[in-house]
Amino acid sequence: MARDFDYFPTYDPLVRDQVYLSNVWGDFMATFVESLREYMSSGGFFVPRLTKAQKALIQTPVEGQMIYVSDANSPTLPRTASLQIWQVVAGNGQWTTIV
């Protein structure tokens, strides 16, 4: 059963002048999410830029994780960079280059 966290009861010990911390936090998050939504729809998003050495340090990538490898070289594509996504197929994960 799903819970409605907008009306989830919380204990808020920080009250000053009838202002509850949870109300301030909720207002901040609503404003932040709306600002992010506007930015994403007008300017796109940035994928983290990593070198191959930095990519190798990622020990447990999550399926769907995207990175932009700035010094990747592919034998089939004469590029110096590539957009890669972590993909799990039949229980095995690997970085897949998006062409």
PDB file of N, CA and C in Angstrom:
ATOM      1  N   MET A   1       0.835  -1.166   0.000  1.00  0.00           N
ATOM      2  CA  MET A   1       0.000   0.000   0.000  1.00  0.00           C
ATOM      3  C   MET A   1       0.891   1.245   0.000  1.00  0.00           C
ATOM      4  N   ALA A   2       0.643   2.149  -0.914  1.00  0.00           N
ATOM      5  CA  ALA A   2       1.442   3.370  -1.022  1.00  0.00           C
ATOM      6  C   ALA A   2       1.036   4.376   0.045  1.00  0.00           C
ATOM      7  N   ARG A   3       1.997   5.165   0.478  1.00  0.00           N
ATOM      8  CA  ARG A   3       1.730   6.208   1.463  1.00  0.00           C
ATOM      9  C   ARG A   3       1.797   7.567   0.794  1.00  0.00           C
ATOM     10  N   ASP A   4       0.988   8.474   1.229  1.00  0.00           N
ATOM     11  CA  ASP A   4       1.027   9.838   0.750  1.00  0.00           C
ATOM     12  C   ASP A   4       1.957  10.622   1.667  1.00  0.00           C
ATOM     13  N   PHE A   5       3.192  10.841   1.227  1.00  0.00           N
ATOM     14  CA  PHE A   5       4.181  11.483   2.073  1.00  0.00           C
ATOM     15  C   PHE A   5       3.973  12.990   2.196  1.00  0.00           C
ATOM     16  N   ASP A   6       3.091  13.575   1.378  1.00  0.00           N
ATOM     17  CA  ASP A   6       2.794  14.996   1.540  1.00  0.00           C
ATOM     18  C   ASP A   6       2.080  15.251   2.864  1.00  0.00           C
ATOM     19  N   TYR A   7       1.321  14.267   3.337  1.00  0.00           N
ATOM     20  CA  TYR A   7       0.559  14.423   4.573  1.00  0.00           C
ATOM     21  C   TYR A   7       1.016  13.452   5.648  1.00  0.00           C
ATOM     22  N   PHE A   8       2.261  12.979   5.535  1.00  0.00           N
ATOM     23  CA  PHE A   8       2.797  12.021   6.492  1.00  0.00           C
ATOM     24  C   PHE A   8       3.102  12.756   7.798  1.00  0.00           C
ATOM     25  N   PRO A   9       2.617  12.273   8.930  1.00  0.00           N
ATOM     26  CA  PRO A   9       2.859  12.987  10.189  1.00  0.00           C
ATOM     27  C   PRO A   9       4.332  12.926  10.588  1.00  0.00           C
ATOM     28  N   THR A  10       4.875  14.062  10.932  1.00  0.00           N
ATOM     29  CA  THR A  10       6.268  14.121  11.360  1.00  0.00           C
ATOM     30  C   THR A  10       6.356  14.896  12.665  1.00  0.00           C
ATOM     31  N   TYR A  11       7.373  14.585  13.429  1.00  0.00           N
ATOM     32  CA  TYR A  11       7.658  15.353  14.634  1.00  0.00           C
ATOM     33  C   TYR A  11       8.671  16.411  14.243  1.00  0.00           C
ATOM     34  N   ASP A  12       8.311  17.653  14.408  1.00  0.00           N
ATOM     35  CA  ASP A  12       9.172  18.750  14.002  1.00  0.00           C
ATOM     36  C   ASP A  12       9.525  19.582  15.227  1.00  0.00           C
ATOM     37  N   PRO A  13      10.688  19.344  15.841  1.00  0.00           N
ATOM     38  CA  PRO A  13      11.032  20.053  17.068  1.00  0.00           C
ATOM     39  C   PRO A  13      11.430  21.510  16.834  1.00  0.00           C
ATOM     40  N   LEU A  14      11.703  21.899  15.584  1.00  0.00           N
ATOM     41  CA  LEU A  14      12.155  23.256  15.320  1.00  0.00           C
ATOM     42  C   LEU A  14      10.981  24.125  14.877  1.00  0.00           C
ATOM     43  N   VAL A  15      10.428  24.855  15.822  1.00  0.00           N
ATOM     44  CA  VAL A  15       9.307  25.743  15.545  1.00  0.00           C
ATOM     45  C   VAL A  15       9.688  27.127  16.047  1.00  0.00           C
ATOM     46  N   ARG A  16       9.539  28.105  15.173  1.00  0.00           N
ATOM     47  CA  ARG A  16       9.809  29.478  15.577  1.00  0.00           C
ATOM     48  C   ARG A  16       8.824  30.385  14.859  1.00  0.00           C
ATOM     49  N   ASP A  17       8.120  31.176  15.597  1.00  0.00           N
ATOM     50  CA  ASP A  17       7.121  32.094  15.033  1.00  0.00           C
ATOM     51  C   ASP A  17       6.119  31.351  14.155  1.00  0.00           C
ATOM     52  N   GLN A  18       5.660  30.209  14.628  1.00  0.00           N
ATOM     53  CA  GLN A  18       4.667  29.392  13.931  1.00  0.00           C
ATOM     54  C   GLN A  18       5.163  28.863  12.574  1.00  0.00           C
ATOM     55  N   VAL A  19       6.485  28.792  12.373  1.00  0.00           N
ATOM     56  CA  VAL A  19       7.049  28.249  11.140  1.00  0.00           C
ATOM     57  C   VAL A  19       7.702  26.915  11.476  1.00  0.00           C
ATOM     58  N   TYR A  20       7.250  25.868  10.839  1.00  0.00           N
ATOM     59  CA  TYR A  20       7.773  24.527  11.067  1.00  0.00           C
ATOM     60  C   TYR A  20       8.851  24.217  10.029  1.00  0.00           C
ATOM     61  N   LEU A  21       9.922  23.584  10.466  1.00  0.00           N
ATOM     62  CA  LEU A  21      11.009  23.234   9.559  1.00  0.00           C
ATOM     63  C   LEU A  21      10.509  22.369   8.414  1.00  0.00           C
ATOM     64  N   SER A  22       9.610  21.433   8.694  1.00  0.00           N
ATOM     65  CA  SER A  22       9.119  20.560   7.629  1.00  0.00           C
ATOM     66  C   SER A  22       8.379  21.355   6.560  1.00  0.00           C
ATOM     67  N   ASN A  23       7.686  22.424   6.935  1.00  0.00           N
ATOM     68  CA  ASN A  23       7.008  23.253   5.934  1.00  0.00           C
ATOM     69  C   ASN A  23       8.023  23.986   5.063  1.00  0.00           C
ATOM     70  N   VAL A  24       9.073  24.498   5.684  1.00  0.00           N
ATOM     71  CA  VAL A  24      10.111  25.205   4.934  1.00  0.00           C
ATOM     72  C   VAL A  24      10.784  24.234   3.964  1.00  0.00           C
ATOM     73  N   TRP A  25      11.107  23.033   4.435  1.00  0.00           N
ATOM     74  CA  TRP A  25      11.748  22.028   3.593  1.00  0.00           C
ATOM     75  C   TRP A  25      10.842  21.632   2.436  1.00  0.00           C
ATOM     76  N   GLY A  26       9.565  21.418   2.698  1.00  0.00           N
ATOM     77  CA  GLY A  26       8.628  21.057   1.635  1.00  0.00           C
ATOM     78  C   GLY A  26       8.523  22.148   0.581  1.00  0.00           C
ATOM     79  N   ASP A  27       8.464  23.400   1.014  1.00  0.00           N
ATOM     80  CA  ASP A  27       8.403  24.521   0.070  1.00  0.00           C
ATOM     81  C   ASP A  27       9.680  24.605  -0.760  1.00  0.00           C
ATOM     82  N   PHE A  28      10.822  24.414  -0.092  1.00  0.00           N
ATOM     83  CA  PHE A  28      12.094  24.457  -0.808  1.00  0.00           C
ATOM     84  C   PHE A  28      12.156  23.365  -1.874  1.00  0.00           C
ATOM     85  N   MET A  29      11.794  22.131  -1.513  1.00  0.00           N
ATOM     86  CA  MET A  29      11.864  21.020  -2.466  1.00  0.00           C
ATOM     87  C   MET A  29      10.911  21.230  -3.632  1.00  0.00           C
ATOM     88  N   ALA A  30       9.714  21.742  -3.361  1.00  0.00           N
ATOM     89  CA  ALA A  30       8.763  22.002  -4.446  1.00  0.00           C
ATOM     90  C   ALA A  30       9.326  23.034  -5.414  1.00  0.00           C
ATOM     91  N   THR A  31       9.936  24.083  -4.883  1.00  0.00           N
ATOM     92  CA  THR A  31      10.537  25.116  -5.725  1.00  0.00           C
ATOM     93  C   THR A  31      11.723  24.563  -6.511  1.00  0.00           C
ATOM     94  N   PHE A  32      12.562  23.766  -5.839  1.00  0.00           N
ATOM     95  CA  PHE A  32      13.723  23.178  -6.497  1.00  0.00           C
ATOM     96  C   PHE A  32      13.309  22.253  -7.638  1.00  0.00           C
ATOM     97  N   VAL A  33      12.345  21.383  -7.402  1.00  0.00           N
ATOM     98  CA  VAL A  33      11.904  20.439  -8.429  1.00  0.00           C
ATOM     99  C   VAL A  33      11.305  21.191  -9.616  1.00  0.00           C
ATOM    100  N   GLU A  34      10.526  22.215  -9.355  1.00  0.00           N
ATOM    101  CA  GLU A  34       9.936  22.992 -10.447  1.00  0.00           C
ATOM    102  C   GLU A  34      11.019  23.714 -11.250  1.00  0.00           C
ATOM    103  N   SER A  35      12.016  24.270 -10.571  1.00  0.00           N
ATOM    104  CA  SER A  35      13.123  24.936 -11.262  1.00  0.00           C
ATOM    105  C   SER A  35      13.909  23.939 -12.111  1.00  0.00           C
ATOM    106  N   LEU A  36      14.160  22.756 -11.555  1.00  0.00           N
ATOM    107  CA  LEU A  36      14.878  21.723 -12.288  1.00  0.00           C
ATOM    108  C   LEU A  36      14.088  21.276 -13.509  1.00  0.00           C
ATOM    109  N   ARG A  37      12.797  21.120 -13.360  1.00  0.00           N
ATOM    110  CA  ARG A  37      11.935  20.715 -14.476  1.00  0.00           C
ATOM    111  C   ARG A  37      11.987  21.763 -15.594  1.00  0.00           C
ATOM    112  N   GLU A  38      11.940  23.049 -15.249  1.00  0.00           N
ATOM    113  CA  GLU A  38      12.019  24.101 -16.254  1.00  0.00           C
ATOM    114  C   GLU A  38      13.371  24.087 -16.951  1.00  0.00           C
ATOM    115  N   TYR A  39      14.452  23.933 -16.178  1.00  0.00           N
ATOM    116  CA  TYR A  39      15.788  23.908 -16.764  1.00  0.00           C
ATOM    117  C   TYR A  39      15.953  22.721 -17.702  1.00  0.00           C
ATOM    118  N   MET A  40      15.510  21.559 -17.278  1.00  0.00           N
ATOM    119  CA  MET A  40      15.662  20.356 -18.089  1.00  0.00           C
ATOM    120  C   MET A  40      14.887  20.453 -19.394  1.00  0.00           C
ATOM    121  N   SER A  41      13.735  21.105 -19.371  1.00  0.00           N
ATOM    122  CA  SER A  41      12.945  21.196 -20.590  1.00  0.00           C
ATOM    123  C   SER A  41      13.477  22.266 -21.543  1.00  0.00           C
ATOM    124  N   SER A  42      14.262  23.223 -21.033  1.00  0.00           N
ATOM    125  CA  SER A  42      14.753  24.273 -21.912  1.00  0.00           C
ATOM    126  C   SER A  42      16.225  24.091 -22.296  1.00  0.00           C
ATOM    127  N   GLY A  43      17.034  23.480 -21.447  1.00  0.00           N
ATOM    128  CA  GLY A  43      18.461  23.419 -21.718  1.00  0.00           C
ATOM    129  C   GLY A  43      19.060  22.037 -21.717  1.00  0.00           C
ATOM    130  N   GLY A  44      18.287  20.990 -21.502  1.00  0.00           N
ATOM    131  CA  GLY A  44      18.848  19.648 -21.454  1.00  0.00           C
ATOM    132  C   GLY A  44      19.514  19.360 -20.130  1.00  0.00           C
ATOM    133  N   PHE A  45      20.354  18.341 -20.088  1.00  0.00           N
ATOM    134  CA  PHE A  45      21.038  17.989 -18.854  1.00  0.00           C
ATOM    135  C   PHE A  45      22.486  17.637 -19.181  1.00  0.00           C
ATOM    136  N   PHE A  46      23.317  17.699 -18.168  1.00  0.00           N
ATOM    137  CA  PHE A  46      24.732  17.391 -18.335  1.00  0.00           C
ATOM    138  C   PHE A  46      25.028  16.005 -17.778  1.00  0.00           C
ATOM    139  N   VAL A  47      25.726  15.227 -18.577  1.00  0.00           N
ATOM    140  CA  VAL A  47      26.160  13.898 -18.164  1.00  0.00           C
ATOM    141  C   VAL A  47      27.570  14.058 -17.591  1.00  0.00           C
ATOM    142  N   PRO A  48      27.882  13.405 -16.478  1.00  0.00           N
ATOM    143  CA  PRO A  48      29.213  13.542 -15.884  1.00  0.00           C
ATOM    144  C   PRO A  48      30.316  13.146 -16.866  1.00  0.00           C
ATOM    145  N   ARG A  49      31.348  13.982 -16.958  1.00  0.00           N
ATOM    146  CA  ARG A  49      32.504  13.719 -17.818  1.00  0.00           C
ATOM    147  C   ARG A  49      33.571  13.013 -16.987  1.00  0.00           C
ATOM    148  N   LEU A  50      34.014  11.866 -17.470  1.00  0.00           N
ATOM    149  CA  LEU A  50      35.048  11.084 -16.778  1.00  0.00           C
ATOM    150  C   LEU A  50      36.117  10.653 -17.768  1.00  0.00           C
ATOM    151  N   THR A  51      37.285  10.388 -17.250  1.00  0.00           N
ATOM    152  CA  THR A  51      38.323   9.758 -18.069  1.00  0.00           C
ATOM    153  C   THR A  51      38.152   8.241 -17.941  1.00  0.00           C
ATOM    154  N   LYS A  52      38.889   7.501 -18.770  1.00  0.00           N
ATOM    155  CA  LYS A  52      38.807   6.035 -18.663  1.00  0.00           C
ATOM    156  C   LYS A  52      39.278   5.564 -17.293  1.00  0.00           C
ATOM    157  N   ALA A  53      40.280   6.223 -16.724  1.00  0.00           N
ATOM    158  CA  ALA A  53      40.778   5.846 -15.396  1.00  0.00           C
ATOM    159  C   ALA A  53      39.714   6.089 -14.329  1.00  0.00           C
ATOM    160  N   GLN A  54      39.001   7.209 -14.416  1.00  0.00           N
ATOM    161  CA  GLN A  54      37.928   7.494 -13.458  1.00  0.00           C
ATOM    162  C   GLN A  54      36.781   6.502 -13.626  1.00  0.00           C
ATOM    163  N   LYS A  55      36.473   6.136 -14.871  1.00  0.00           N
ATOM    164  CA  LYS A  55      35.420   5.152 -15.131  1.00  0.00           C
ATOM    165  C   LYS A  55      35.764   3.815 -14.492  1.00  0.00           C
ATOM    166  N   ALA A  56      37.046   3.447 -14.545  1.00  0.00           N
ATOM    167  CA  ALA A  56      37.482   2.169 -13.973  1.00  0.00           C
ATOM    168  C   ALA A  56      37.320   2.146 -12.453  1.00  0.00           C
ATOM    169  N   LEU A  57      37.299   3.307 -11.812  1.00  0.00           N
ATOM    170  CA  LEU A  57      37.136   3.366 -10.355  1.00  0.00           C
ATOM    171  C   LEU A  57      35.690   3.170  -9.901  1.00  0.00           C
ATOM    172  N   ILE A  58      34.741   3.191 -10.824  1.00  0.00           N
ATOM    173  CA  ILE A  58      33.341   2.958 -10.463  1.00  0.00           C
ATOM    174  C   ILE A  58      33.183   1.467 -10.193  1.00  0.00           C
ATOM    175  N   GLN A  59      33.013   1.113  -8.930  1.00  0.00           N
ATOM    176  CA  GLN A  59      32.990  -0.304  -8.565  1.00  0.00           C
ATOM    177  C   GLN A  59      31.625  -0.947  -8.769  1.00  0.00           C
ATOM    178  N   THR A  60      30.554  -0.217  -8.483  1.00  0.00           N
ATOM    179  CA  THR A  60      29.217  -0.799  -8.607  1.00  0.00           C
ATOM    180  C   THR A  60      28.306   0.153  -9.374  1.00  0.00           C
ATOM    181  N   PRO A  61      28.428   0.161 -10.708  1.00  0.00           N
ATOM    182  CA  PRO A  61      27.533   1.011 -11.487  1.00  0.00           C
ATOM    183  C   PRO A  61      26.088   0.522 -11.372  1.00  0.00           C
ATOM    184  N   VAL A  62      25.164   1.432 -11.546  1.00  0.00           N
ATOM    185  CA  VAL A  62      23.740   1.127 -11.458  1.00  0.00           C
ATOM    186  C   VAL A  62      23.175   1.091 -12.874  1.00  0.00           C
ATOM    187  N   GLU A  63      22.285   0.152 -13.128  1.00  0.00           N
ATOM    188  CA  GLU A  63      21.701   0.044 -14.466  1.00  0.00           C
ATOM    189  C   GLU A  63      21.062   1.370 -14.860  1.00  0.00           C
ATOM    190  N   GLY A  64      21.407   1.835 -16.052  1.00  0.00           N
ATOM    191  CA  GLY A  64      20.898   3.104 -16.549  1.00  0.00           C
ATOM    192  C   GLY A  64      21.831   4.275 -16.283  1.00  0.00           C
ATOM    193  N   GLN A  65      22.902   4.052 -15.514  1.00  0.00           N
ATOM    194  CA  GLN A  65      23.850   5.125 -15.216  1.00  0.00           C
ATOM    195  C   GLN A  65      24.539   5.544 -16.504  1.00  0.00           C
ATOM    196  N   MET A  66      24.630   6.854 -16.739  1.00  0.00           N
ATOM    197  CA  MET A  66      25.251   7.376 -17.952  1.00  0.00           C
ATOM    198  C   MET A  66      26.504   8.162 -17.587  1.00  0.00           C
ATOM    199  N   ILE A  67      27.533   8.029 -18.411  1.00  0.00           N
ATOM    200  CA  ILE A  67      28.753   8.814 -18.253  1.00  0.00           C
ATOM    201  C   ILE A  67      29.236   9.214 -19.645  1.00  0.00           C
ATOM    202  N   TYR A  68      29.973  10.307 -19.700  1.00  0.00           N
ATOM    203  CA  TYR A  68      30.608  10.765 -20.931  1.00  0.00           C
ATOM    204  C   TYR A  68      32.105  10.578 -20.737  1.00  0.00           C
ATOM    205  N   VAL A  69      32.658   9.592 -21.436  1.00  0.00           N
ATOM    206  CA  VAL A  69      34.082   9.278 -21.285  1.00  0.00           C
ATOM    207  C   VAL A  69      34.849  10.172 -22.249  1.00  0.00           C
ATOM    208  N   SER A  70      35.621  11.085 -21.681  1.00  0.00           N
ATOM    209  CA  SER A  70      36.245  12.134 -22.492  1.00  0.00           C
ATOM    210  C   SER A  70      37.473  11.679 -23.276  1.00  0.00           C
ATOM    211  N   ASP A  71      38.067  10.565 -22.882  1.00  0.00           N
ATOM    212  CA  ASP A  71      39.268  10.105 -23.609  1.00  0.00           C
ATOM    213  C   ASP A  71      39.108   8.685 -24.149  1.00  0.00           C
ATOM    214  N   ALA A  72      37.883   8.320 -24.514  1.00  0.00           N
ATOM    215  CA  ALA A  72      37.633   6.977 -25.046  1.00  0.00           C
ATOM    216  C   ALA A  72      38.016   6.916 -26.518  1.00  0.00           C
ATOM    217  N   ASN A  73      38.584   5.803 -26.907  1.00  0.00           N
ATOM    218  CA  ASN A  73      38.906   5.564 -28.310  1.00  0.00           C
ATOM    219  C   ASN A  73      38.287   4.243 -28.716  1.00  0.00           C
ATOM    220  N   SER A  74      37.550   4.259 -29.792  1.00  0.00           N
ATOM    221  CA  SER A  74      36.912   3.053 -30.273  1.00  0.00           C
ATOM    222  C   SER A  74      37.597   2.618 -31.564  1.00  0.00           C
ATOM    223  N   PRO A  75      37.816   1.315 -31.746  1.00  0.00           N
ATOM    224  CA  PRO A  75      38.454   0.862 -32.988  1.00  0.00           C
ATOM    225  C   PRO A  75      37.563   1.101 -34.207  1.00  0.00           C
ATOM    226  N   THR A  76      36.247   1.126 -34.016  1.00  0.00           N
ATOM    227  CA  THR A  76      35.341   1.298 -35.160  1.00  0.00           C
ATOM    228  C   THR A  76      34.960   2.762 -35.376  1.00  0.00           C
ATOM    229  N   LEU A  77      35.018   3.572 -34.334  1.00  0.00           N
ATOM    230  CA  LEU A  77      34.657   4.981 -34.464  1.00  0.00           C
ATOM    231  C   LEU A  77      35.870   5.850 -34.134  1.00  0.00           C
ATOM    232  N   PRO A  78      36.295   6.683 -35.074  1.00  0.00           N
ATOM    233  CA  PRO A  78      37.458   7.538 -34.798  1.00  0.00           C
ATOM    234  C   PRO A  78      37.072   8.754 -33.958  1.00  0.00           C
ATOM    235  N   ARG A  79      36.710   8.520 -32.719  1.00  0.00           N
ATOM    236  CA  ARG A  79      36.313   9.596 -31.817  1.00  0.00           C
ATOM    237  C   ARG A  79      37.228   9.610 -30.612  1.00  0.00           C
ATOM    238  N   THR A  80      37.247  10.739 -29.935  1.00  0.00           N
ATOM    239  CA  THR A  80      38.046  10.825 -28.720  1.00  0.00           C
ATOM    240  C   THR A  80      37.170  10.815 -27.482  1.00  0.00           C
ATOM    241  N   ALA A  81      35.857  10.733 -27.650  1.00  0.00           N
ATOM    242  CA  ALA A  81      34.947  10.711 -26.508  1.00  0.00           C
ATOM    243  C   ALA A  81      33.738   9.857 -26.856  1.00  0.00           C
ATOM    244  N   SER A  82      33.045   9.364 -25.821  1.00  0.00           N
ATOM    245  CA  SER A  82      31.850   8.566 -26.089  1.00  0.00           C
ATOM    246  C   SER A  82      30.887   8.650 -24.915  1.00  0.00           C
ATOM    247  N   LEU A  83      29.611   8.605 -25.231  1.00  0.00           N
ATOM    248  CA  LEU A  83      28.563   8.550 -24.221  1.00  0.00           C
ATOM    249  C   LEU A  83      28.293   7.081 -23.953  1.00  0.00           C
ATOM    250  N   GLN A  84      28.386   6.675 -22.684  1.00  0.00           N
ATOM    251  CA  GLN A  84      28.215   5.266 -22.346  1.00  0.00           C
ATOM    252  C   GLN A  84      27.150   5.119 -21.270  1.00  0.00           C
ATOM    253  N   ILE A  85      26.450   3.997 -21.327  1.00  0.00           N
ATOM    254  CA  ILE A  85      25.408   3.694 -20.347  1.00  0.00           C
ATOM    255  C   ILE A  85      25.656   2.291 -19.807  1.00  0.00           C
ATOM    256  N   TRP A  86      25.418   2.111 -18.497  1.00  0.00           N
ATOM    257  CA  TRP A  86      25.588   0.792 -17.887  1.00  0.00           C
ATOM    258  C   TRP A  86      24.337  -0.008 -18.167  1.00  0.00           C
ATOM    259  N   GLN A  87      24.504  -1.160 -18.800  1.00  0.00           N
ATOM    260  CA  GLN A  87      23.372  -1.988 -19.198  1.00  0.00           C
ATOM    261  C   GLN A  87      23.570  -3.400 -18.669  1.00  0.00           C
ATOM    262  N   VAL A  88      22.505  -3.966 -18.118  1.00  0.00           N
ATOM    263  CA  VAL A  88      22.556  -5.331 -17.593  1.00  0.00           C
ATOM    264  C   VAL A  88      21.733  -6.224 -18.513  1.00  0.00           C
ATOM    265  N   VAL A  89      22.380  -7.255 -19.049  1.00  0.00           N
ATOM    266  CA  VAL A  89      21.710  -8.209 -19.927  1.00  0.00           C
ATOM    267  C   VAL A  89      21.998  -9.602 -19.390  1.00  0.00           C
ATOM    268  N   ALA A  90      20.949 -10.364 -19.118  1.00  0.00           N
ATOM    269  CA  ALA A  90      21.061 -11.737 -18.607  1.00  0.00           C
ATOM    270  C   ALA A  90      21.941 -11.795 -17.363  1.00  0.00           C
ATOM    271  N   GLY A  91      21.801 -10.808 -16.491  1.00  0.00           N
ATOM    272  CA  GLY A  91      22.527 -10.805 -15.231  1.00  0.00           C
ATOM    273  C   GLY A  91      23.943 -10.251 -15.301  1.00  0.00           C
ATOM    274  N   ASN A  92      24.434  -9.972 -16.498  1.00  0.00           N
ATOM    275  CA  ASN A  92      25.785  -9.427 -16.655  1.00  0.00           C
ATOM    276  C   ASN A  92      25.700  -7.963 -17.047  1.00  0.00           C
ATOM    277  N   GLY A  93      26.495  -7.134 -16.381  1.00  0.00           N
ATOM    278  CA  GLY A  93      26.510  -5.713 -16.689  1.00  0.00           C
ATOM    279  C   GLY A  93      27.727  -5.323 -17.486  1.00  0.00           C
ATOM    280  N   GLN A  94      27.556  -4.334 -18.349  1.00  0.00           N
ATOM    281  CA  GLN A  94      28.667  -3.819 -19.110  1.00  0.00           C
ATOM    282  C   GLN A  94      28.350  -2.403 -19.560  1.00  0.00           C
ATOM    283  N   TRP A  95      29.414  -1.628 -19.846  1.00  0.00           N
ATOM    284  CA  TRP A  95      29.246  -0.290 -20.382  1.00  0.00           C
ATOM    285  C   TRP A  95      28.977  -0.411 -21.868  1.00  0.00           C
ATOM    286  N   THR A  96      27.902   0.203 -22.340  1.00  0.00           N
ATOM    287  CA  THR A  96      27.530   0.183 -23.747  1.00  0.00           C
ATOM    288  C   THR A  96      27.652   1.600 -24.295  1.00  0.00           C
ATOM    289  N   THR A  97      28.357   1.725 -25.414  1.00  0.00           N
ATOM    290  CA  THR A  97      28.531   3.026 -26.051  1.00  0.00           C
ATOM    291  C   THR A  97      27.281   3.367 -26.857  1.00  0.00           C
ATOM    292  N   ILE A  98      26.796   4.576 -26.658  1.00  0.00           N
ATOM    293  CA  ILE A  98      25.642   5.056 -27.413  1.00  0.00           C
ATOM    294  C   ILE A  98      26.166   5.819 -28.604  1.00  0.00           C
ATOM    295  N   VAL A  99      25.774   5.386 -29.785  1.00  0.00           N
ATOM    296  CA  VAL A  99      26.264   6.001 -31.025  1.00  0.00           C
ATOM    297  C   VAL A  99      25.241   6.989 -31.525  1.00  0.00           C
TER     298      VAL A  99
END
